[in-house]
Amino acid sequence: MFGKMFKISPSISIFSSKTMFLEVNRYSSREDSTLGMLVDVTKKRDFVCYTIEDEARDEKISGETRIPSGSYNIIFRTEGGFHNRYLKKFGEEFHKGMLWLQDVPGFEYILIHCGNTDDDTAGCLLLGDSSSQNINMDGFIGNSVAAYKRVYPLLANHLISGGDINITYIDADS
């Protein structure tokens, strides 16, 4: 009966979601940095890697403040300095565009990329395979390029295949 009334596109699935759900669980925010863990919560809670961002602030200071907690969609950004550098660094077979968070209040061009300390970010999310505390020293994540090379293809391939990615930032540090 419905087949005669509506034409259903084969690319639309009403029974399964093509959305990948990620969480950044922020667990330690200090004077200069915020440490966290990136977790894939699409099907179950799978640890992905460690993260570092700028510190929390009541008032935003450009290039020195983490983004607000909340949920954001991720798409590709295929222009700009980071994109051009990563294209050169990783090659076009690997790099399809920067992972870009959308509609972040008061921020533009929030990306996911490589880096080890808060000095390597201006509000963006940096990925690493190890983490050092930020209690009595500056926060640090290690093996950032290795983590990026492991995580990026998973996210990029999901976007390329027509899926959506949603990332939620949770302030477990407050």
Protein backbone atom coordinates (compact mmCIF):
# COMPACT_ATOMS: atom_id res chain seq x y z
CA MET A 1 0.00 0.00 0.00
CA PHE A 2 2.72 2.54 0.96
CA GLY A 3 4.75 1.65 -2.13
CA LYS A 4 1.96 3.06 -4.30
CA MET A 5 1.67 6.27 -2.27
CA PHE A 6 5.34 7.10 -1.64
CA LYS A 7 8.54 6.55 -3.52
CA ILE A 8 11.23 5.52 -1.01
CA SER A 9 14.80 6.28 -1.95
CA PRO A 10 17.15 3.29 -1.54
CA SER A 11 19.70 5.62 0.10
CA ILE A 12 17.37 6.37 3.01
CA SER A 13 17.22 3.89 5.85
CA ILE A 14 14.43 4.35 8.37
CA PHE A 15 15.64 1.46 10.52
CA SER A 16 19.29 2.30 11.21
CA SER A 17 21.22 5.43 11.97
CA LYS A 18 24.21 6.39 9.87
CA THR A 19 25.41 8.68 12.62
CA MET A 20 28.61 8.06 14.54
CA PHE A 21 28.47 9.42 18.09
CA LEU A 22 31.64 10.58 19.84
CA GLU A 23 32.20 12.05 23.30
CA VAL A 24 35.03 14.13 24.68
CA ASN A 25 35.05 13.48 28.41
CA ARG A 26 37.03 16.35 29.92
CA TYR A 27 38.55 15.14 33.17
CA SER A 28 41.18 17.72 34.17
CA SER A 29 41.10 21.45 33.51
CA ARG A 30 43.88 23.56 34.96
CA GLU A 31 45.48 26.96 34.36
CA ASP A 32 46.67 26.30 30.80
CA SER A 33 45.05 23.12 29.48
CA THR A 34 42.18 20.66 29.57
CA LEU A 35 42.79 16.93 29.32
CA GLY A 36 40.16 14.53 28.09
CA MET A 37 39.38 11.20 26.50
CA LEU A 38 37.72 10.71 23.12
CA VAL A 39 35.20 7.86 23.27
CA ASP A 40 33.10 6.31 20.49
CA VAL A 41 29.62 5.78 21.95
CA THR A 42 27.90 4.74 18.72
CA LYS A 43 27.32 1.15 19.84
CA LYS A 44 29.12 0.90 23.18
CA ARG A 45 31.73 2.96 25.04
CA ASP A 46 34.98 2.45 23.11
CA PHE A 47 38.05 4.46 24.17
CA VAL A 48 39.60 6.09 21.08
CA CYS A 49 42.43 8.32 22.36
CA TYR A 50 43.44 11.09 24.74
CA THR A 51 42.75 14.76 24.00
CA ILE A 52 44.06 18.16 24.99
CA GLU A 53 42.48 21.59 24.57
CA ASP A 54 42.87 25.07 25.93
CA GLU A 55 41.65 25.79 29.45
CA ALA A 56 38.12 26.66 30.55
CA ARG A 57 37.36 30.36 30.95
CA ASP A 58 34.29 32.31 31.97
CA GLU A 59 35.08 34.87 29.27
CA LYS A 60 36.54 33.81 25.94
CA ILE A 61 40.07 34.89 25.10
CA SER A 62 40.77 34.28 21.42
CA GLY A 63 43.11 31.32 20.93
CA GLU A 64 43.23 30.57 24.68
CA THR A 65 39.81 29.14 25.53
CA ARG A 66 38.24 25.72 25.05
CA ILE A 67 34.88 25.47 23.31
CA PRO A 68 31.67 25.25 25.33
CA SER A 69 30.33 21.86 26.34
CA GLY A 70 27.63 20.66 23.97
CA SER A 71 27.07 18.64 20.81
CA TYR A 72 28.42 19.53 17.39
CA ASN A 73 28.36 17.96 13.96
CA ILE A 74 31.63 17.31 12.12
CA ILE A 75 32.15 17.85 8.39
CA PHE A 76 35.18 18.24 6.11
CA ARG A 77 36.89 21.59 5.61
CA THR A 78 38.78 21.45 2.31
CA GLU A 79 40.37 24.88 2.28
CA GLY A 80 42.58 26.97 4.52
CA GLY A 81 46.07 26.69 5.95
CA PHE A 82 45.58 23.55 8.02
CA HIS A 83 44.02 21.70 5.09
CA ASN A 84 46.86 22.66 2.77
CA ARG A 85 49.54 21.70 5.34
CA TYR A 86 47.90 18.36 6.11
CA LEU A 87 47.44 17.61 2.43
CA LYS A 88 51.16 18.17 1.93
CA LYS A 89 52.13 16.29 5.13
CA PHE A 90 49.88 13.23 4.75
CA GLY A 91 49.13 13.13 1.00
CA GLU A 92 45.86 13.13 -0.90
CA GLU A 93 45.35 9.37 -0.50
CA PHE A 94 45.12 9.85 3.29
CA HIS A 95 43.90 13.42 3.79
CA LYS A 96 40.41 14.22 2.52
CA GLY A 97 39.84 17.42 4.49
CA MET A 98 40.14 18.72 8.03
CA LEU A 99 37.59 17.44 10.56
CA TRP A 100 35.62 20.62 11.30
CA LEU A 101 33.11 21.13 14.14
CA GLN A 102 30.02 23.05 13.09
CA ASP A 103 28.06 25.81 14.81
CA VAL A 104 30.28 26.23 17.88
CA PRO A 105 28.95 29.35 19.66
CA GLY A 106 31.49 32.18 19.54
CA PHE A 107 34.10 30.12 17.64
CA GLU A 108 35.04 29.52 14.00
CA TYR A 109 37.08 26.81 12.33
CA ILE A 110 37.31 24.43 15.29
CA LEU A 111 39.25 21.46 13.94
CA ILE A 112 40.53 18.09 15.12
CA HIS A 113 44.27 17.85 14.49
CA CYS A 114 47.75 16.91 15.74
CA GLY A 115 49.57 18.61 18.59
CA ASN A 116 50.98 17.92 22.03
CA THR A 117 50.20 20.91 24.27
CA ASP A 118 47.77 23.79 24.63
CA ASP A 119 50.30 25.89 22.69
CA ASP A 120 49.43 23.80 19.60
CA THR A 121 45.74 24.71 19.67
CA ALA A 122 43.56 27.80 19.44
CA GLY A 123 40.43 26.07 20.72
CA CYS A 124 40.75 22.96 18.56
CA LEU A 125 40.80 19.36 19.77
CA LEU A 126 44.19 17.62 19.66
CA LEU A 127 44.55 13.82 19.68
CA GLY A 128 47.20 11.68 21.40
CA ASP A 129 47.97 8.11 22.42
CA SER A 130 49.37 9.04 25.84
CA SER A 131 48.68 11.72 28.41
CA SER A 132 50.61 13.42 31.21
CA GLN A 133 48.88 15.15 34.09
CA ASN A 134 48.35 18.91 34.15
CA ILE A 135 48.15 19.34 37.92
CA ASN A 136 51.62 20.67 38.72
CA MET A 137 52.93 20.96 35.15
CA ASP A 138 51.61 21.84 31.70
CA GLY A 139 49.35 19.19 30.23
CA PHE A 140 50.81 17.04 27.48
CA ILE A 141 49.59 14.34 25.12
CA GLY A 142 52.10 12.17 23.31
CA ASN A 143 52.25 10.29 20.03
CA SER A 144 49.82 12.76 18.51
CA VAL A 145 50.64 12.02 14.88
CA ALA A 146 50.28 8.27 15.50
CA ALA A 147 46.88 8.82 17.15
CA TYR A 148 45.76 11.11 14.33
CA LYS A 149 46.86 8.60 11.69
CA ARG A 150 44.86 5.89 13.50
CA VAL A 151 41.71 7.93 14.25
CA TYR A 152 41.40 10.17 11.18
CA PRO A 153 40.71 7.37 8.65
CA LEU A 154 37.89 5.99 10.80
CA LEU A 155 36.15 9.36 10.89
CA ALA A 156 36.98 10.39 7.32
CA ASN A 157 35.77 7.09 5.88
CA HIS A 158 32.52 7.42 7.80
CA LEU A 159 31.94 10.88 6.31
CA ILE A 160 32.95 9.73 2.81
CA SER A 161 30.47 6.85 2.99
CA GLY A 162 27.65 9.35 3.61
CA GLY A 163 27.50 9.05 7.38
CA ASP A 164 27.23 11.86 9.90
CA ILE A 165 29.43 12.42 12.94
CA ASN A 166 28.22 14.06 16.14
CA ILE A 167 30.67 14.92 18.93
CA THR A 168 29.55 15.84 22.44
CA TYR A 169 31.86 17.62 24.89
CA ILE A 170 31.15 16.68 28.52
CA ASP A 171 32.68 18.67 31.40
CA ALA A 172 33.42 15.95 33.95
CA ASP A 173 36.14 18.28 35.31
CA SER A 174 33.78 20.79 36.90
